[in-house]
Protein backbone atom coordinates (compact mmCIF):
# COMPACT_ATOMS: atom_id res chain seq x y z
CA MET A 1 2.50 0.93 12.20
CA LYS A 2 -0.72 2.98 11.97
CA ALA A 3 -2.10 5.51 9.54
CA LYS A 4 -5.29 7.55 9.53
CA VAL A 5 -5.47 7.62 5.75
CA ALA A 6 -5.37 4.58 3.47
CA ILE A 7 -5.24 4.48 -0.34
CA ILE A 8 -6.18 1.45 -2.38
CA GLY A 9 -4.63 2.07 -5.79
CA GLY A 10 -3.43 0.50 -8.97
CA ALA A 11 -0.15 0.45 -10.82
CA GLY A 12 1.69 3.75 -11.25
CA PHE A 13 2.19 4.78 -7.64
CA GLY A 14 5.95 4.82 -7.17
CA LEU A 15 6.12 5.06 -3.37
CA GLY A 16 8.94 4.46 -0.98
CA GLY A 17 8.36 3.58 2.61
CA ILE A 18 8.10 0.56 4.87
CA VAL A 19 6.26 -2.62 3.78
CA ASP A 20 4.49 -4.56 6.49
CA ASP A 21 1.94 -7.40 6.67
CA ALA A 22 -1.67 -6.67 7.52
CA ALA A 23 -4.05 -9.39 8.73
CA ALA A 24 -7.57 -9.40 7.34
CA PRO A 25 -10.47 -11.88 7.52
CA TYR A 26 -9.76 -12.99 3.92
CA GLY A 27 -6.04 -13.33 4.22
CA ASN A 28 -2.92 -11.28 4.75
CA SER A 29 -1.93 -8.37 2.54
CA LYS A 30 1.18 -6.26 2.13
CA VAL A 31 0.75 -2.59 3.12
CA ARG A 32 3.24 0.16 2.34
CA PHE A 33 3.44 2.94 4.99
CA THR A 34 4.80 6.24 3.74
CA ARG A 35 4.19 9.99 3.96
CA LEU A 36 2.25 12.18 1.60
CA LYS A 37 2.15 15.91 2.25
CA ARG A 38 3.43 15.32 5.82
CA ARG A 39 0.67 12.81 6.62
CA ARG A 40 1.30 9.16 7.32
CA ILE A 41 -0.60 7.02 4.84
CA ALA A 42 -1.04 3.34 4.18
CA PHE A 43 -1.01 2.20 0.51
CA ILE A 44 -2.51 -1.11 -0.55
CA PRO A 45 -2.04 -2.10 -4.18
CA ARG A 46 -5.21 -3.61 -5.76
CA HIS A 47 -3.31 -6.28 -7.67
CA GLY A 48 -0.63 -7.26 -5.18
CA GLN A 49 2.96 -6.02 -4.75
CA GLU A 50 4.12 -6.93 -8.29
CA GLN A 51 2.89 -3.95 -10.28
CA ILE A 52 3.37 -5.19 -13.82
CA PRO A 53 1.69 -2.98 -16.37
CA PRO A 54 -0.58 -4.71 -18.94
CA PRO A 55 0.94 -5.54 -22.35
């Protein structure tokens, strides 16, 4: 899947969509593809898929 806009964000983004693997020079990452205001975006969480808020 492709997107023209990518967001690298932290915890708190509750997004639906499709999760896919993305290959990078430093290892693979999970990318969530979804729509925001009718645009296809790719969301990459800064701290991995498990978004556990700090204590």
